[in-house]
Protein backbone atom coordinates (compact mmCIF):
# COMPACT_ATOMS: atom_id res chain seq x y z
CA VAL A 1 -88.12 232.89 64.63
CA PRO A 2 -87.25 230.13 66.67
CA ALA A 3 -85.23 230.32 70.08
CA ALA A 4 -81.94 229.61 70.53
CA GLU A 5 -81.35 225.97 71.26
CA ASP A 6 -80.24 226.41 74.58
CA GLU A 7 -83.03 228.20 75.52
CA THR A 8 -85.37 225.53 73.94
CA LEU A 9 -83.56 223.35 76.08
CA GLU A 10 -84.13 224.92 78.71
CA ALA A 11 -87.87 225.61 78.30
CA THR A 12 -88.31 221.63 77.44
CA ILE A 13 -86.80 220.58 80.72
CA GLN A 14 -88.82 223.04 82.90
CA ASP A 15 -92.18 221.87 81.16
CA LEU A 16 -91.17 218.40 82.43
CA PRO A 17 -93.11 217.09 85.25
CA SER A 18 -90.62 217.06 88.42
CA ASP A 19 -90.66 213.23 89.03
CA LEU A 20 -89.31 212.67 85.31
CA ILE A 21 -86.63 215.42 85.97
CA LEU A 22 -85.67 213.51 89.10
CA PHE A 23 -86.05 210.03 86.95
CA ILE A 24 -83.40 211.36 84.30
CA ALA A 25 -81.19 213.07 87.00
CA LYS A 26 -80.86 209.97 88.60
CA HIS A 27 -80.26 207.84 86.11
CA PHE A 28 -77.53 210.47 84.24
CA LEU A 29 -75.77 209.95 88.01
CA SER A 30 -75.79 205.83 87.86
CA PHE A 31 -74.40 206.66 84.26
CA LEU A 32 -71.53 208.69 84.87
CA ASP A 33 -70.60 206.36 87.92
CA ALA A 34 -70.81 203.32 85.79
CA LEU A 35 -68.31 205.18 83.05
CA ARG A 36 -66.20 205.87 86.61
CA LEU A 37 -66.74 210.16 85.93
CA SER A 38 -68.26 212.36 88.73
CA TYR A 39 -70.44 215.49 88.13
CA THR A 40 -69.27 218.69 90.22
CA SER A 41 -69.78 222.02 89.85
CA SER A 42 -66.73 222.72 87.97
CA GLY A 43 -67.63 219.72 85.17
CA ILE A 44 -67.63 216.19 84.26
CA LYS A 45 -64.10 214.50 86.16
CA PRO A 46 -62.95 211.41 86.08
CA ILE A 47 -62.76 209.13 89.17
CA VAL A 48 -59.60 208.40 90.35
CA LEU A 49 -59.15 205.03 92.06
CA PRO A 50 -56.34 204.20 93.86
CA GLU A 51 -56.80 200.66 93.81
CA ALA A 52 -58.03 200.86 90.03
CA THR A 53 -55.20 202.52 88.67
CA ARG A 54 -52.63 200.46 90.91
CA MET A 55 -53.71 196.90 89.32
CA ARG A 56 -54.16 198.66 85.74
CA GLU A 57 -50.38 199.20 86.04
CA GLU A 58 -49.35 195.77 87.70
CA HIS A 59 -51.44 193.92 84.56
CA LEU A 60 -49.64 196.75 82.72
CA GLN A 61 -45.89 195.37 84.12
CA PHE A 62 -46.90 192.03 83.72
CA THR A 63 -48.20 191.75 79.90
CA GLN A 64 -45.01 194.15 79.07
CA ALA A 65 -42.83 190.77 80.72
CA VAL A 66 -45.10 188.64 78.82
CA ASP A 67 -44.57 190.64 75.37
CA ALA A 68 -40.74 190.35 75.82
CA VAL A 69 -40.93 186.78 76.06
CA CYS A 70 -43.66 186.98 72.98
CA ARG A 71 -41.32 189.11 70.73
CA SER A 72 -38.32 186.88 71.42
CA ARG A 73 -40.16 183.85 69.92
CA LYS A 74 -40.69 182.98 66.48
CA GLY A 75 -44.54 184.20 65.24
CA ALA A 76 -45.31 185.29 68.65
CA ALA A 77 -47.62 188.01 68.52
CA SER A 78 -47.55 191.26 70.85
CA MET A 79 -49.53 190.59 73.66
CA THR A 80 -50.06 194.07 75.25
CA SER A 81 -52.49 195.54 72.76
CA THR A 82 -54.91 192.80 73.57
CA CYS A 83 -54.11 192.44 77.49
CA CYS A 84 -53.59 196.24 78.63
CA GLY A 85 -56.55 198.16 77.30
CA THR A 86 -58.39 199.93 79.55
CA HIS A 87 -60.07 197.25 81.12
CA PRO A 88 -57.45 194.61 80.71
CA ASP A 89 -58.28 191.34 79.86
CA PRO A 90 -58.18 188.59 82.64
CA HIS A 91 -57.63 186.10 80.07
CA LEU A 92 -54.39 185.04 78.47
CA ASP A 93 -53.02 182.31 75.59
CA LEU A 94 -49.75 181.69 75.49
CA ALA A 95 -50.56 178.29 73.95
CA PHE A 96 -47.80 177.20 71.42
CA LYS A 97 -45.56 179.92 71.97
CA GLY A 98 -42.45 178.01 72.02
CA ILE A 99 -41.71 179.05 75.70
CA LEU A 100 -38.80 177.81 77.57
CA ALA A 101 -38.17 177.87 81.02
CA GLU A 102 -36.00 181.07 80.97
CA ASP A 103 -39.24 182.68 79.74
CA ALA A 104 -41.86 181.15 82.16
CA ALA A 105 -39.42 182.32 84.58
CA ALA A 106 -39.84 185.71 83.50
CA ILE A 107 -43.99 185.26 83.16
CA ALA A 108 -43.42 183.76 86.51
CA SER A 109 -42.22 186.60 87.98
CA ALA A 110 -44.05 188.69 86.81
CA LEU A 111 -47.33 186.62 87.43
CA HIS A 112 -46.24 186.58 91.48
CA GLY A 113 -47.76 189.90 91.78
CA ASN A 114 -50.51 190.13 89.14
CA ARG A 115 -54.31 190.98 90.36
CA VAL A 116 -56.07 190.88 87.06
CA LEU A 117 -54.97 187.77 85.23
CA THR A 118 -57.56 184.79 85.98
CA SER A 119 -56.89 182.68 83.09
CA LEU A 120 -53.66 181.44 82.17
CA ASP A 121 -53.22 178.76 78.95
CA MET A 122 -48.96 177.87 78.40
CA GLY A 123 -50.08 174.45 77.33
CA GLY A 124 -47.74 173.08 74.17
CA ASN A 125 -44.26 174.98 74.98
CA LYS A 126 -41.20 173.86 76.50
CA ILE A 127 -40.96 175.13 80.00
CA GLY A 128 -39.67 171.70 81.82
CA THR A 129 -38.99 171.06 85.49
CA LYS A 130 -37.18 174.24 85.57
CA GLY A 131 -40.20 176.31 84.05
CA ALA A 132 -42.45 174.06 86.21
CA THR A 133 -40.94 175.30 89.03
CA ALA A 134 -41.13 178.62 88.31
CA ILE A 135 -44.76 178.69 87.92
CA ALA A 136 -44.90 176.63 91.29
CA GLU A 137 -43.52 179.68 92.66
CA ALA A 138 -45.68 182.16 91.24
CA LEU A 139 -48.63 180.24 92.34
CA ARG A 140 -47.72 180.21 96.11
CA GLY A 141 -48.06 184.38 95.95
CA ASN A 142 -50.97 184.49 93.53
CA GLY A 143 -54.05 184.72 94.79
CA VAL A 144 -56.61 185.60 91.96
CA LEU A 145 -55.30 182.77 88.79
CA THR A 146 -57.96 180.73 88.81
CA ASP A 147 -57.47 178.64 85.84
CA LEU A 148 -53.84 177.42 84.63
CA LYS A 149 -53.17 175.11 81.83
CA LEU A 150 -49.39 173.33 81.21
CA GLY A 151 -49.98 170.81 79.48
CA ARG A 152 -48.00 169.39 76.77
CA ASN A 153 -44.87 171.23 78.37
CA ASN A 154 -42.28 168.04 79.39
CA ILE A 155 -42.59 169.07 83.19
CA ARG A 156 -42.16 165.30 84.23
CA ASP A 157 -42.13 163.66 87.61
CA GLU A 158 -40.07 166.64 89.41
CA GLY A 159 -42.35 169.71 87.86
CA ALA A 160 -45.38 167.59 89.16
CA ALA A 161 -44.25 167.39 92.74
CA VAL A 162 -43.03 170.90 93.08
CA LEU A 163 -46.49 172.42 91.27
CA ALA A 164 -48.51 169.89 93.58
CA SER A 165 -46.63 171.63 96.50
CA ALA A 166 -47.47 174.93 95.73
CA LEU A 167 -51.38 174.14 94.71
CA ARG A 168 -51.87 172.91 98.53
CA VAL A 169 -50.94 176.42 99.76
CA ASN A 170 -52.98 178.15 96.83
CA ALA A 171 -56.89 178.48 97.54
CA ALA A 172 -57.50 180.45 94.18
CA LEU A 173 -56.74 177.90 91.55
CA LYS A 174 -60.15 176.05 90.28
CA PHE A 175 -59.59 174.28 86.84
CA PHE A 176 -55.40 173.09 86.65
CA TYR A 177 -54.41 170.84 83.37
CA ILE A 178 -51.26 169.16 83.81
CA GLY A 179 -51.74 166.51 81.12
CA ALA A 180 -49.52 165.36 78.37
CA ASN A 181 -46.21 165.98 80.21
CA TRP A 182 -44.37 162.43 80.89
CA ILE A 183 -45.53 162.37 84.31
CA GLY A 184 -45.10 159.09 85.74
CA ASP A 185 -45.80 157.21 89.33
CA LYS A 186 -44.14 159.51 91.70
CA GLY A 187 -45.28 162.50 89.67
CA THR A 188 -48.90 161.39 89.72
CA ALA A 189 -48.91 160.32 93.69
CA ALA A 190 -47.53 163.51 94.67
CA ILE A 191 -50.44 165.71 92.59
CA ALA A 192 -52.90 162.83 94.19
């Protein structure tokens, strides 16, 4: 007659060499840590990380603002479901979504305090100089975004100059694309 499952497991663990038991225990705790769980005498519980929780909340607020813009534009899908899971996506593609200057201002307002998003593609929209100005203001206060694409947005010289000014104080941005924006000599000089 076989023993109860708990007894069999207990007997099997007791039969293992002590160094193997330590190895299993060490990796079990590493596994729990990777899942942001802790083992206490009262069981396995999630580790509450205030910073991570706050960052998820900020990212959720950002993507909800972007969602509002996307829902207002024809054919734009909801971004919240793809950006706001347990592990927020650091890349956001808003290219060719019909985003206008006022939409860019709402996105920029949310972007200002966001600390998760590292890549934003807003190419092929219609943000113009006003939208570029709003994005520039957000860049002044954002130290996380490293990749920004604003090509084909009718930004022109004035918008390019405002963006160039913001880029001088933003050390985080590593890739910036502003091509096909009707930028003339004045805008080019401001960027250079």
